[in-house]
PDB file of N, CA and C in Angstrom:
ATOM      1  N   UNK A   1     126.985  99.927  64.670  1.00  0.00           N
ATOM      2  CA  UNK A   1     126.362  98.643  64.447  1.00  0.00           C
ATOM      3  C   UNK A   1     126.760  97.648  65.535  1.00  0.00           C
ATOM      4  N   UNK A   2     128.045  97.699  65.913  1.00  0.00           N
ATOM      5  CA  UNK A   2     128.534  96.805  66.956  1.00  0.00           C
ATOM      6  C   UNK A   2     127.824  97.099  68.283  1.00  0.00           C
ATOM      7  N   UNK A   3     127.607  98.353  68.580  1.00  0.00           N
ATOM      8  CA  UNK A   3     126.911  98.751  69.803  1.00  0.00           C
ATOM      9  C   UNK A   3     125.455  98.305  69.768  1.00  0.00           C
ATOM     10  N   UNK A   4     124.815  98.421  68.621  1.00  0.00           N
ATOM     11  CA  UNK A   4     123.429  98.000  68.480  1.00  0.00           C
ATOM     12  C   UNK A   4     123.292  96.490  68.646  1.00  0.00           C
ATOM     13  N   UNK A   5     124.244  95.733  68.093  1.00  0.00           N
ATOM     14  CA  UNK A   5     124.209  94.281  68.194  1.00  0.00           C
ATOM     15  C   UNK A   5     124.352  93.836  69.653  1.00  0.00           C
ATOM     16  N   UNK A   6     125.269  94.413  70.393  1.00  0.00           N
ATOM     17  CA  UNK A   6     125.455  94.031  71.799  1.00  0.00           C
ATOM     18  C   UNK A   6     124.268  94.477  72.653  1.00  0.00           C
ATOM     19  N   UNK A   7     123.641  95.588  72.299  1.00  0.00           N
ATOM     20  CA  UNK A   7     122.458  96.032  73.039  1.00  0.00           C
ATOM     21  C   UNK A   7     121.294  95.081  72.806  1.00  0.00           C
ATOM     22  N   UNK A   8     121.118  94.604  71.581  1.00  0.00           N
ATOM     23  CA  UNK A   8     120.044  93.654  71.266  1.00  0.00           C
ATOM     24  C   UNK A   8     120.284  92.326  71.993  1.00  0.00           C
ATOM     25  N   UNK A   9     121.518  91.868  72.010  1.00  0.00           N
ATOM     26  CA  UNK A   9     121.844  90.618  72.705  1.00  0.00           C
ATOM     27  C   UNK A   9     121.577  90.761  74.204  1.00  0.00           C
ATOM     28  N   UNK A  10     121.995  91.875  74.785  1.00  0.00           N
ATOM     29  CA  UNK A  10     121.773  92.106  76.212  1.00  0.00           C
ATOM     30  C   UNK A  10     120.288  92.205  76.540  1.00  0.00           C
ATOM     31  N   UNK A  11     119.528  92.880  75.691  1.00  0.00           N
ATOM     32  CA  UNK A  11     118.093  93.016  75.911  1.00  0.00           C
ATOM     33  C   UNK A  11     117.379  91.669  75.788  1.00  0.00           C
ATOM     34  N   UNK A  12     117.742  90.886  74.775  1.00  0.00           N
ATOM     35  CA  UNK A  12     117.097  89.579  74.614  1.00  0.00           C
ATOM     36  C   UNK A  12     117.470  88.638  75.757  1.00  0.00           C
ATOM     37  N   UNK A  13     118.679  88.719  76.232  1.00  0.00           N
ATOM     38  CA  UNK A  13     119.092  87.910  77.380  1.00  0.00           C
ATOM     39  C   UNK A  13     118.314  88.301  78.632  1.00  0.00           C
ATOM     40  N   UNK A  14     118.159  89.577  78.854  1.00  0.00           N
ATOM     41  CA  UNK A  14     117.413  90.039  80.032  1.00  0.00           C
ATOM     42  C   UNK A  14     115.945  89.622  79.950  1.00  0.00           C
ATOM     43  N   UNK A  15     115.351  89.719  78.778  1.00  0.00           N
ATOM     44  CA  UNK A  15     113.949  89.327  78.624  1.00  0.00           C
ATOM     45  C   UNK A  15     113.763  87.823  78.781  1.00  0.00           C
ATOM     46  N   UNK A  16     114.684  87.045  78.257  1.00  0.00           N
ATOM     47  CA  UNK A  16     114.536  85.589  78.366  1.00  0.00           C
ATOM     48  C   UNK A  16     114.730  85.130  79.811  1.00  0.00           C
ATOM     49  N   UNK A  17     115.642  85.729  80.541  1.00  0.00           N
ATOM     50  CA  UNK A  17     115.833  85.356  81.948  1.00  0.00           C
ATOM     51  C   UNK A  17     114.671  85.808  82.816  1.00  0.00           C
ATOM     52  N   UNK A  18     114.094  86.934  82.487  1.00  0.00           N
ATOM     53  CA  UNK A  18     112.978  87.445  83.264  1.00  0.00           C
ATOM     54  C   UNK A  18     111.656  86.775  82.967  1.00  0.00           C
ATOM     55  N   UNK A  19     111.590  86.036  81.880  1.00  0.00           N
ATOM     56  CA  UNK A  19     110.314  85.431  81.512  1.00  0.00           C
ATOM     57  C   UNK A  19     110.022  84.155  82.277  1.00  0.00           C
ATOM     58  N   UNK A  20     111.031  83.518  82.863  1.00  0.00           N
ATOM     59  CA  UNK A  20     110.805  82.291  83.621  1.00  0.00           C
ATOM     60  C   UNK A  20     110.313  82.619  85.016  1.00  0.00           C
ATOM     61  N   UNK A  21     109.374  81.833  85.456  1.00  0.00           N
ATOM     62  CA  UNK A  21     108.847  82.020  86.797  1.00  0.00           C
ATOM     63  C   UNK A  21     109.814  81.418  87.815  1.00  0.00           C
ATOM     64  N   UNK A  22     109.978  82.073  88.927  1.00  0.00           N
ATOM     65  CA  UNK A  22     110.880  81.542  89.957  1.00  0.00           C
ATOM     66  C   UNK A  22     110.297  80.304  90.622  1.00  0.00           C
ATOM     67  N   UNK A  23     108.985  80.163  90.623  1.00  0.00           N
ATOM     68  CA  UNK A  23     108.397  78.964  91.205  1.00  0.00           C
ATOM     69  C   UNK A  23     108.562  77.756  90.300  1.00  0.00           C
ATOM     70  N   UNK A  24     108.776  77.974  89.030  1.00  0.00           N
ATOM     71  CA  UNK A  24     108.960  76.854  88.112  1.00  0.00           C
ATOM     72  C   UNK A  24     110.286  76.157  88.350  1.00  0.00           C
ATOM     73  N   UNK A  25     111.257  76.857  88.865  1.00  0.00           N
ATOM     74  CA  UNK A  25     112.569  76.262  89.118  1.00  0.00           C
ATOM     75  C   UNK A  25     112.873  76.190  90.614  1.00  0.00           C
ATOM     76  N   UNK A  26     111.874  76.230  91.431  1.00  0.00           N
ATOM     77  CA  UNK A  26     112.100  76.253  92.878  1.00  0.00           C
ATOM     78  C   UNK A  26     112.673  74.949  93.386  1.00  0.00           C
ATOM     79  N   UNK A  27     112.265  73.817  92.842  1.00  0.00           N
ATOM     80  CA  UNK A  27     112.749  72.519  93.305  1.00  0.00           C
ATOM     81  C   UNK A  27     113.394  71.785  92.150  1.00  0.00           C
ATOM     82  N   UNK A  28     114.554  72.265  91.715  1.00  0.00           N
ATOM     83  CA  UNK A  28     115.165  71.698  90.530  1.00  0.00           C
ATOM     84  C   UNK A  28     115.888  70.389  90.783  1.00  0.00           C
ATOM     85  N   UNK A  29     116.036  69.960  92.043  1.00  0.00           N
ATOM     86  CA  UNK A  29     116.770  68.715  92.304  1.00  0.00           C
ATOM     87  C   UNK A  29     115.866  67.489  92.272  1.00  0.00           C
ATOM     88  N   UNK A  30     114.658  67.615  91.772  1.00  0.00           N
ATOM     89  CA  UNK A  30     113.789  66.464  91.583  1.00  0.00           C
ATOM     90  C   UNK A  30     112.855  66.188  92.739  1.00  0.00           C
ATOM     91  N   UNK A  31     112.984  66.923  93.840  1.00  0.00           N
ATOM     92  CA  UNK A  31     112.098  66.707  94.979  1.00  0.00           C
ATOM     93  C   UNK A  31     110.757  67.355  94.706  1.00  0.00           C
ATOM     94  N   UNK A  32     109.743  66.833  95.342  1.00  0.00           N
ATOM     95  CA  UNK A  32     108.425  67.443  95.281  1.00  0.00           C
ATOM     96  C   UNK A  32     108.351  68.486  96.383  1.00  0.00           C
ATOM     97  N   UNK A  33     107.891  69.667  96.047  1.00  0.00           N
ATOM     98  CA  UNK A  33     107.840  70.750  97.017  1.00  0.00           C
ATOM     99  C   UNK A  33     106.507  70.760  97.750  1.00  0.00           C
ATOM    100  N   UNK A  34     106.574  70.954  99.039  1.00  0.00           N
ATOM    101  CA  UNK A  34     105.389  71.043  99.884  1.00  0.00           C
ATOM    102  C   UNK A  34     105.466  72.330 100.676  1.00  0.00           C
ATOM    103  N   UNK A  35     104.322  72.749 101.182  1.00  0.00           N
ATOM    104  CA  UNK A  35     104.311  73.861 102.099  1.00  0.00           C
ATOM    105  C   UNK A  35     104.902  73.423 103.431  1.00  0.00           C
ATOM    106  N   UNK A  36     105.328  74.360 104.263  1.00  0.00           N
ATOM    107  CA  UNK A  36     105.962  73.984 105.531  1.00  0.00           C
ATOM    108  C   UNK A  36     105.067  73.128 106.426  1.00  0.00           C
ATOM    109  N   UNK A  37     103.781  73.452 106.490  1.00  0.00           N
ATOM    110  CA  UNK A  37     102.890  72.679 107.359  1.00  0.00           C
ATOM    111  C   UNK A  37     102.716  71.254 106.851  1.00  0.00           C
ATOM    112  N   UNK A  38     102.575  71.098 105.541  1.00  0.00           N
ATOM    113  CA  UNK A  38     102.448  69.755 104.965  1.00  0.00           C
ATOM    114  C   UNK A  38     103.712  68.945 105.194  1.00  0.00           C
ATOM    115  N   UNK A  39     104.873  69.574 105.011  1.00  0.00           N
ATOM    116  CA  UNK A  39     106.143  68.872 105.191  1.00  0.00           C
ATOM    117  C   UNK A  39     106.328  68.446 106.648  1.00  0.00           C
ATOM    118  N   UNK A  40     105.930  69.297 107.582  1.00  0.00           N
ATOM    119  CA  UNK A  40     106.045  68.957 109.001  1.00  0.00           C
ATOM    120  C   UNK A  40     105.111  67.799 109.337  1.00  0.00           C
ATOM    121  N   UNK A  41     103.892  67.825 108.790  1.00  0.00           N
ATOM    122  CA  UNK A  41     102.962  66.714 109.019  1.00  0.00           C
ATOM    123  C   UNK A  41     103.510  65.400 108.482  1.00  0.00           C
ATOM    124  N   UNK A  42     104.097  65.445 107.293  1.00  0.00           N
ATOM    125  CA  UNK A  42     104.676  64.232 106.710  1.00  0.00           C
ATOM    126  C   UNK A  42     105.846  63.733 107.556  1.00  0.00           C
ATOM    127  N   UNK A  43     106.664  64.658 108.026  1.00  0.00           N
ATOM    128  CA  UNK A  43     107.842  64.321 108.823  1.00  0.00           C
ATOM    129  C   UNK A  43     107.438  63.666 110.143  1.00  0.00           C
ATOM    130  N   UNK A  44     106.501  64.273 110.851  1.00  0.00           N
ATOM    131  CA  UNK A  44     106.062  63.693 112.126  1.00  0.00           C
ATOM    132  C   UNK A  44     105.308  62.385 111.905  1.00  0.00           C
ATOM    133  N   UNK A  45     104.573  62.294 110.809  1.00  0.00           N
ATOM    134  CA  UNK A  45     103.871  61.055 110.493  1.00  0.00           C
ATOM    135  C   UNK A  45     104.831  59.907 110.224  1.00  0.00           C
ATOM    136  N   UNK A  46     105.923  60.190 109.529  1.00  0.00           N
ATOM    137  CA  UNK A  46     106.918  59.152 109.253  1.00  0.00           C
ATOM    138  C   UNK A  46     107.612  58.695 110.534  1.00  0.00           C
ATOM    139  N   UNK A  47     107.859  59.629 111.449  1.00  0.00           N
ATOM    140  CA  UNK A  47     108.472  59.245 112.726  1.00  0.00           C
ATOM    141  C   UNK A  47     107.544  58.291 113.467  1.00  0.00           C
ATOM    142  N   UNK A  48     106.255  58.603 113.461  1.00  0.00           N
ATOM    143  CA  UNK A  48     105.287  57.724 114.124  1.00  0.00           C
ATOM    144  C   UNK A  48     105.227  56.354 113.445  1.00  0.00           C
ATOM    145  N   UNK A  49     105.337  56.326 112.113  1.00  0.00           N
ATOM    146  CA  UNK A  49     105.341  55.053 111.393  1.00  0.00           C
ATOM    147  C   UNK A  49     106.547  54.200 111.774  1.00  0.00           C
ATOM    148  N   UNK A  50     107.700  54.835 111.915  1.00  0.00           N
ATOM    149  CA  UNK A  50     108.908  54.095 112.291  1.00  0.00           C
ATOM    150  C   UNK A  50     108.759  53.528 113.701  1.00  0.00           C
ATOM    151  N   UNK A  51     108.214  54.325 114.610  1.00  0.00           N
ATOM    152  CA  UNK A  51     108.004  53.833 115.976  1.00  0.00           C
ATOM    153  C   UNK A  51     107.043  52.652 115.985  1.00  0.00           C
ATOM    154  N   UNK A  52     105.991  52.737 115.181  1.00  0.00           N
ATOM    155  CA  UNK A  52     105.029  51.637 115.096  1.00  0.00           C
ATOM    156  C   UNK A  52     105.689  50.387 114.517  1.00  0.00           C
ATOM    157  N   UNK A  53     106.546  50.576 113.525  1.00  0.00           N
ATOM    158  CA  UNK A  53     107.239  49.445 112.906  1.00  0.00           C
ATOM    159  C   UNK A  53     108.157  48.755 113.913  1.00  0.00           C
ATOM    160  N   UNK A  54     108.828  49.536 114.747  1.00  0.00           N
ATOM    161  CA  UNK A  54     109.696  48.941 115.772  1.00  0.00           C
ATOM    162  C   UNK A  54     108.856  48.181 116.786  1.00  0.00           C
ATOM    163  N   UNK A  55     107.743  48.778 117.210  1.00  0.00           N
ATOM    164  CA  UNK A  55     106.872  48.115 118.186  1.00  0.00           C
ATOM    165  C   UNK A  55     106.246  46.845 117.628  1.00  0.00           C
ATOM    166  N   UNK A  56     106.010  46.816 116.309  1.00  0.00           N
ATOM    167  CA  UNK A  56     105.438  45.633 115.673  1.00  0.00           C
ATOM    168  C   UNK A  56     106.480  44.546 115.409  1.00  0.00           C
ATOM    169  N   UNK A  57     107.754  44.866 115.648  1.00  0.00           N
ATOM    170  CA  UNK A  57     108.816  43.880 115.479  1.00  0.00           C
ATOM    171  C   UNK A  57     109.301  43.729 114.049  1.00  0.00           C
ATOM    172  N   UNK A  58     109.276  44.800 113.288  1.00  0.00           N
ATOM    173  CA  UNK A  58     109.736  44.748 111.904  1.00  0.00           C
ATOM    174  C   UNK A  58     111.244  44.510 111.863  1.00  0.00           C
ATOM    175  N   UNK A  59     111.712  43.964 110.760  1.00  0.00           N
ATOM    176  CA  UNK A  59     113.123  43.670 110.548  1.00  0.00           C
ATOM    177  C   UNK A  59     113.963  44.947 110.655  1.00  0.00           C
ATOM    178  N   UNK A  60     115.160  44.832 111.212  1.00  0.00           N
ATOM    179  CA  UNK A  60     116.028  45.990 111.436  1.00  0.00           C
ATOM    180  C   UNK A  60     116.412  46.678 110.124  1.00  0.00           C
ATOM    181  N   UNK A  61     116.614  45.901 109.057  1.00  0.00           N
ATOM    182  CA  UNK A  61     116.969  46.512 107.772  1.00  0.00           C
ATOM    183  C   UNK A  61     115.837  47.378 107.235  1.00  0.00           C
ATOM    184  N   UNK A  62     114.609  46.914 107.390  1.00  0.00           N
ATOM    185  CA  UNK A  62     113.458  47.684 106.922  1.00  0.00           C
ATOM    186  C   UNK A  62     113.286  48.961 107.754  1.00  0.00           C
ATOM    187  N   UNK A  63     113.506  48.841 109.057  1.00  0.00           N
ATOM    188  CA  UNK A  63     113.396  50.017 109.931  1.00  0.00           C
ATOM    189  C   UNK A  63     114.471  51.029 109.564  1.00  0.00           C
ATOM    190  N   UNK A  64     115.661  50.538 109.257  1.00  0.00           N
ATOM    191  CA  UNK A  64     116.745  51.443 108.877  1.00  0.00           C
ATOM    192  C   UNK A  64     116.411  52.184 107.584  1.00  0.00           C
ATOM    193  N   UNK A  65     115.820  51.494 106.617  1.00  0.00           N
ATOM    194  CA  UNK A  65     115.413  52.146 105.367  1.00  0.00           C
ATOM    195  C   UNK A  65     114.337  53.196 105.623  1.00  0.00           C
ATOM    196  N   UNK A  66     113.405  52.878 106.516  1.00  0.00           N
ATOM    197  CA  UNK A  66     112.359  53.848 106.855  1.00  0.00           C
ATOM    198  C   UNK A  66     112.967  55.079 107.519  1.00  0.00           C
ATOM    199  N   UNK A  67     113.940  54.862 108.400  1.00  0.00           N
ATOM    200  CA  UNK A  67     114.595  55.989 109.061  1.00  0.00           C
ATOM    201  C   UNK A  67     115.348  56.853 108.055  1.00  0.00           C
ATOM    202  N   UNK A  68     115.979  56.224 107.094  1.00  0.00           N
ATOM    203  CA  UNK A  68     116.708  56.978 106.076  1.00  0.00           C
ATOM    204  C   UNK A  68     115.756  57.870 105.285  1.00  0.00           C
ATOM    205  N   UNK A  69     114.584  57.341 104.920  1.00  0.00           N
ATOM    206  CA  UNK A  69     113.587  58.138 104.200  1.00  0.00           C
ATOM    207  C   UNK A  69     113.056  59.273 105.073  1.00  0.00           C
ATOM    208  N   UNK A  70     112.882  58.988 106.363  1.00  0.00           N
ATOM    209  CA  UNK A  70     112.388  60.010 107.276  1.00  0.00           C
ATOM    210  C   UNK A  70     113.396  61.137 107.421  1.00  0.00           C
ATOM    211  N   UNK A  71     114.670  60.793 107.527  1.00  0.00           N
ATOM    212  CA  UNK A  71     115.709  61.814 107.637  1.00  0.00           C
ATOM    213  C   UNK A  71     115.746  62.673 106.381  1.00  0.00           C
ATOM    214  N   UNK A  72     115.553  62.061 105.224  1.00  0.00           N
ATOM    215  CA  UNK A  72     115.579  62.833 103.981  1.00  0.00           C
ATOM    216  C   UNK A  72     114.363  63.757 103.862  1.00  0.00           C
ATOM    217  N   UNK A  73     113.271  63.453 104.555  1.00  0.00           N
ATOM    218  CA  UNK A  73     112.097  64.331 104.523  1.00  0.00           C
ATOM    219  C   UNK A  73     112.360  65.678 105.195  1.00  0.00           C
ATOM    220  N   UNK A  74     113.378  65.743 106.026  1.00  0.00           N
ATOM    221  CA  UNK A  74     113.705  67.010 106.689  1.00  0.00           C
ATOM    222  C   UNK A  74     114.033  68.091 105.663  1.00  0.00           C
ATOM    223  N   UNK A  75     114.541  67.684 104.514  1.00  0.00           N
ATOM    224  CA  UNK A  75     114.875  68.645 103.462  1.00  0.00           C
ATOM    225  C   UNK A  75     113.645  69.366 102.933  1.00  0.00           C
ATOM    226  N   UNK A  76     112.495  68.766 103.066  1.00  0.00           N
ATOM    227  CA  UNK A  76     111.262  69.358 102.550  1.00  0.00           C
ATOM    228  C   UNK A  76     110.741  70.499 103.420  1.00  0.00           C
ATOM    229  N   UNK A  77     111.204  70.573 104.648  1.00  0.00           N
ATOM    230  CA  UNK A  77     110.711  71.608 105.562  1.00  0.00           C
ATOM    231  C   UNK A  77     111.439  72.910 105.244  1.00  0.00           C
ATOM    232  N   UNK A  78     110.796  73.761 104.483  1.00  0.00           N
ATOM    233  CA  UNK A  78     111.365  75.049 104.097  1.00  0.00           C
ATOM    234  C   UNK A  78     110.635  76.144 104.862  1.00  0.00           C
ATOM    235  N   UNK A  79     111.174  76.508 105.981  1.00  0.00           N
ATOM    236  CA  UNK A  79     110.538  77.535 106.806  1.00  0.00           C
ATOM    237  C   UNK A  79     111.634  78.440 107.370  1.00  0.00           C
ATOM    238  N   UNK A  80     111.361  79.055 108.478  1.00  0.00           N
ATOM    239  CA  UNK A  80     112.310  80.000 109.065  1.00  0.00           C
ATOM    240  C   UNK A  80     113.533  79.277 109.625  1.00  0.00           C
ATOM    241  N   UNK A  81     114.515  80.068 110.025  1.00  0.00           N
ATOM    242  CA  UNK A  81     115.747  79.513 110.583  1.00  0.00           C
ATOM    243  C   UNK A  81     115.490  78.783 111.895  1.00  0.00           C
ATOM    244  N   UNK A  82     114.544  79.268 112.670  1.00  0.00           N
ATOM    245  CA  UNK A  82     114.241  78.637 113.957  1.00  0.00           C
ATOM    246  C   UNK A  82     113.671  77.238 113.717  1.00  0.00           C
ATOM    247  N   UNK A  83     112.755  77.124 112.782  1.00  0.00           N
ATOM    248  CA  UNK A  83     112.161  75.819 112.463  1.00  0.00           C
ATOM    249  C   UNK A  83     113.234  74.885 111.918  1.00  0.00           C
ATOM    250  N   UNK A  84     114.110  75.401 111.064  1.00  0.00           N
ATOM    251  CA  UNK A  84     115.186  74.580 110.494  1.00  0.00           C
ATOM    252  C   UNK A  84     116.124  74.080 111.584  1.00  0.00           C
ATOM    253  N   UNK A  85     116.394  74.929 112.564  1.00  0.00           N
ATOM    254  CA  UNK A  85     117.280  74.524 113.665  1.00  0.00           C
ATOM    255  C   UNK A  85     116.667  73.388 114.473  1.00  0.00           C
ATOM    256  N   UNK A  86     115.382  73.491 114.785  1.00  0.00           N
ATOM    257  CA  UNK A  86     114.726  72.436 115.559  1.00  0.00           C
ATOM    258  C   UNK A  86     114.529  71.171 114.717  1.00  0.00           C
ATOM    259  N   UNK A  87     114.318  71.327 113.421  1.00  0.00           N
ATOM    260  CA  UNK A  87     114.220  70.153 112.544  1.00  0.00           C
ATOM    261  C   UNK A  87     115.557  69.430 112.491  1.00  0.00           C
ATOM    262  N   UNK A  88     116.647  70.184 112.514  1.00  0.00           N
ATOM    263  CA  UNK A  88     117.975  69.562 112.537  1.00  0.00           C
ATOM    264  C   UNK A  88     118.220  68.828 113.851  1.00  0.00           C
ATOM    265  N   UNK A  89     117.742  69.401 114.953  1.00  0.00           N
ATOM    266  CA  UNK A  89     117.875  68.712 116.241  1.00  0.00           C
ATOM    267  C   UNK A  89     117.104  67.394 116.221  1.00  0.00           C
ATOM    268  N   UNK A  90     115.928  67.432 115.645  1.00  0.00           N
ATOM    269  CA  UNK A  90     115.123  66.222 115.535  1.00  0.00           C
ATOM    270  C   UNK A  90     115.821  65.189 114.648  1.00  0.00           C
ATOM    271  N   UNK A  91     116.418  65.644 113.559  1.00  0.00           N
ATOM    272  CA  UNK A  91     117.111  64.738 112.641  1.00  0.00           C
ATOM    273  C   UNK A  91     118.337  64.111 113.297  1.00  0.00           C
ATOM    274  N   UNK A  92     118.984  64.835 114.204  1.00  0.00           N
ATOM    275  CA  UNK A  92     120.124  64.258 114.925  1.00  0.00           C
ATOM    276  C   UNK A  92     119.685  63.055 115.749  1.00  0.00           C
ATOM    277  N   UNK A  93     118.530  63.162 116.382  1.00  0.00           N
ATOM    278  CA  UNK A  93     118.004  62.029 117.148  1.00  0.00           C
ATOM    279  C   UNK A  93     117.639  60.868 116.218  1.00  0.00           C
ATOM    280  N   UNK A  94     117.140  61.197 115.033  1.00  0.00           N
ATOM    281  CA  UNK A  94     116.818  60.144 114.070  1.00  0.00           C
ATOM    282  C   UNK A  94     118.082  59.426 113.604  1.00  0.00           C
ATOM    283  N   UNK A  95     119.153  60.186 113.413  1.00  0.00           N
ATOM    284  CA  UNK A  95     120.419  59.577 113.002  1.00  0.00           C
ATOM    285  C   UNK A  95     120.980  58.683 114.109  1.00  0.00           C
ATOM    286  N   UNK A  96     120.835  59.129 115.359  1.00  0.00           N
ATOM    287  CA  UNK A  96     121.263  58.287 116.482  1.00  0.00           C
ATOM    288  C   UNK A  96     120.429  57.006 116.535  1.00  0.00           C
ATOM    289  N   UNK A  97     119.133  57.144 116.287  1.00  0.00           N
ATOM    290  CA  UNK A  97     118.252  55.981 116.280  1.00  0.00           C
ATOM    291  C   UNK A  97     118.646  55.021 115.161  1.00  0.00           C
ATOM    292  N   UNK A  98     119.019  55.562 114.031  1.00  0.00           N
ATOM    293  CA  UNK A  98     119.441  54.710 112.910  1.00  0.00           C
ATOM    294  C   UNK A  98     120.695  53.929 113.265  1.00  0.00           C
ATOM    295  N   UNK A  99     121.647  54.583 113.934  1.00  0.00           N
ATOM    296  CA  UNK A  99     122.869  53.882 114.356  1.00  0.00           C
ATOM    297  C   UNK A  99     122.535  52.780 115.356  1.00  0.00           C
ATOM    298  N   UNK A 100     121.594  53.072 116.255  1.00  0.00           N
ATOM    299  CA  UNK A 100     121.208  52.072 117.241  1.00  0.00           C
ATOM    300  C   UNK A 100     120.482  50.894 116.593  1.00  0.00           C
ATOM    301  N   UNK A 101     119.693  51.169 115.567  1.00  0.00           N
ATOM    302  CA  UNK A 101     119.002  50.093 114.852  1.00  0.00           C
ATOM    303  C   UNK A 101     120.037  49.205 114.152  1.00  0.00           C
ATOM    304  N   UNK A 102     121.077  49.820 113.586  1.00  0.00           N
ATOM    305  CA  UNK A 102     122.130  49.035 112.938  1.00  0.00           C
ATOM    306  C   UNK A 102     122.805  48.095 113.934  1.00  0.00           C
ATOM    307  N   UNK A 103     122.941  48.575 115.189  1.00  0.00           N
ATOM    308  CA  UNK A 103     123.560  47.749 116.230  1.00  0.00           C
ATOM    309  C   UNK A 103     122.583  46.734 116.802  1.00  0.00           C
ATOM    310  N   UNK A 104     121.303  46.900 116.534  1.00  0.00           N
ATOM    311  CA  UNK A 104     120.293  45.972 117.029  1.00  0.00           C
ATOM    312  C   UNK A 104     119.635  46.397 118.327  1.00  0.00           C
ATOM    313  N   UNK A 105     119.901  47.616 118.785  1.00  0.00           N
ATOM    314  CA  UNK A 105     119.336  48.128 120.033  1.00  0.00           C
ATOM    315  C   UNK A 105     118.026  48.856 119.736  1.00  0.00           C
ATOM    316  N   UNK A 106     116.933  48.116 119.704  1.00  0.00           N
ATOM    317  CA  UNK A 106     115.636  48.701 119.353  1.00  0.00           C
ATOM    318  C   UNK A 106     115.064  49.555 120.479  1.00  0.00           C
ATOM    319  N   UNK A 107     115.352  49.224 121.738  1.00  0.00           N
ATOM    320  CA  UNK A 107     114.825  50.032 122.844  1.00  0.00           C
ATOM    321  C   UNK A 107     115.492  51.398 122.874  1.00  0.00           C
ATOM    322  N   UNK A 108     116.796  51.433 122.639  1.00  0.00           N
ATOM    323  CA  UNK A 108     117.496  52.714 122.563  1.00  0.00           C
ATOM    324  C   UNK A 108     117.024  53.533 121.383  1.00  0.00           C
ATOM    325  N   UNK A 109     116.762  52.849 120.264  1.00  0.00           N
ATOM    326  CA  UNK A 109     116.267  53.542 119.082  1.00  0.00           C
ATOM    327  C   UNK A 109     114.888  54.136 119.338  1.00  0.00           C
ATOM    328  N   UNK A 110     114.055  53.398 120.075  1.00  0.00           N
ATOM    329  CA  UNK A 110     112.724  53.902 120.404  1.00  0.00           C
ATOM    330  C   UNK A 110     112.819  55.149 121.278  1.00  0.00           C
ATOM    331  N   UNK A 111     113.760  55.149 122.219  1.00  0.00           N
ATOM    332  CA  UNK A 111     113.951  56.322 123.070  1.00  0.00           C
ATOM    333  C   UNK A 111     114.387  57.531 122.246  1.00  0.00           C
ATOM    334  N   UNK A 112     115.289  57.323 121.292  1.00  0.00           N
ATOM    335  CA  UNK A 112     115.724  58.427 120.430  1.00  0.00           C
ATOM    336  C   UNK A 112     114.586  58.906 119.532  1.00  0.00           C
ATOM    337  N   UNK A 113     113.776  57.972 119.067  1.00  0.00           N
ATOM    338  CA  UNK A 113     112.628  58.352 118.233  1.00  0.00           C
ATOM    339  C   UNK A 113     111.616  59.166 119.024  1.00  0.00           C
ATOM    340  N   UNK A 114     111.436  58.828 120.290  1.00  0.00           N
ATOM    341  CA  UNK A 114     110.520  59.608 121.125  1.00  0.00           C
ATOM    342  C   UNK A 114     111.024  61.032 121.296  1.00  0.00           C
ATOM    343  N   UNK A 115     112.340  61.192 121.465  1.00  0.00           N
ATOM    344  CA  UNK A 115     112.915  62.541 121.574  1.00  0.00           C
ATOM    345  C   UNK A 115     112.718  63.304 120.264  1.00  0.00           C
ATOM    346  N   UNK A 116     112.956  62.615 119.144  1.00  0.00           N
ATOM    347  CA  UNK A 116     112.784  63.259 117.837  1.00  0.00           C
ATOM    348  C   UNK A 116     111.329  63.648 117.607  1.00  0.00           C
ATOM    349  N   UNK A 117     110.414  62.783 118.010  1.00  0.00           N
ATOM    350  CA  UNK A 117     108.989  63.072 117.836  1.00  0.00           C
ATOM    351  C   UNK A 117     108.559  64.249 118.711  1.00  0.00           C
ATOM    352  N   UNK A 118     109.113  64.338 119.899  1.00  0.00           N
ATOM    353  CA  UNK A 118     108.787  65.457 120.802  1.00  0.00           C
ATOM    354  C   UNK A 118     109.238  66.779 120.192  1.00  0.00           C
ATOM    355  N   UNK A 119     110.446  66.804 119.651  1.00  0.00           N
ATOM    356  CA  UNK A 119     110.956  68.034 119.031  1.00  0.00           C
ATOM    357  C   UNK A 119     110.175  68.346 117.761  1.00  0.00           C
ATOM    358  N   UNK A 120     109.908  67.328 116.953  1.00  0.00           N
ATOM    359  CA  UNK A 120     109.173  67.548 115.700  1.00  0.00           C
ATOM    360  C   UNK A 120     107.751  68.007 115.959  1.00  0.00           C
ATOM    361  N   UNK A 121     107.177  67.616 117.083  1.00  0.00           N
ATOM    362  CA  UNK A 121     105.830  68.042 117.430  1.00  0.00           C
ATOM    363  C   UNK A 121     105.721  69.524 117.711  1.00  0.00           C
ATOM    364  N   UNK A 122     106.837  70.165 118.032  1.00  0.00           N
ATOM    365  CA  UNK A 122     106.824  71.601 118.328  1.00  0.00           C
ATOM    366  C   UNK A 122     107.116  72.446 117.091  1.00  0.00           C
ATOM    367  N   UNK A 123     107.386  71.827 115.960  1.00  0.00           N
ATOM    368  CA  UNK A 123     107.773  72.595 114.773  1.00  0.00           C
ATOM    369  C   UNK A 123     106.657  73.492 114.252  1.00  0.00           C
ATOM    370  N   UNK A 124     105.417  72.995 114.263  1.00  0.00           N
ATOM    371  CA  UNK A 124     104.312  73.817 113.749  1.00  0.00           C
ATOM    372  C   UNK A 124     104.095  75.075 114.575  1.00  0.00           C
ATOM    373  N   UNK A 125     104.320  74.970 115.868  1.00  0.00           N
ATOM    374  CA  UNK A 125     104.122  76.150 116.710  1.00  0.00           C
ATOM    375  C   UNK A 125     105.214  77.183 116.492  1.00  0.00           C
ATOM    376  N   UNK A 126     106.298  76.807 115.851  1.00  0.00           N
ATOM    377  CA  UNK A 126     107.418  77.725 115.616  1.00  0.00           C
ATOM    378  C   UNK A 126     107.383  78.374 114.231  1.00  0.00           C
ATOM    379  N   UNK A 127     106.350  78.050 113.437  1.00  0.00           N
ATOM    380  CA  UNK A 127     106.256  78.631 112.085  1.00  0.00           C
ATOM    381  C   UNK A 127     106.058  80.125 112.132  1.00  0.00           C
TER     382      UNK A 127
END
């Protein structure tokens, strides 16, 4: 009886774990999941928005918040290791730009954003 009880528990546990879809729990940290191409488009679009905001003379605090959101979008790019490596390189330039914006150096930040945009522009070709 003891053996039968443990076998039933093990079987029910295996069936309950196998019944959940892996896509249902793919993004359990609350983020919205996108395909790699959509995420790359959003990422490059946000970089362009930040550059436009700097050129339009937006407040440094607002630009910094936009940069923070753009950096967090890098997490959405779920692709190969090569794409992740280049996305990280692009994010490093964004982080440098954010530091420069905090210091008030908008021209330096624009230069870093251009480097980040150049690297991010090559991400789709690396899919």
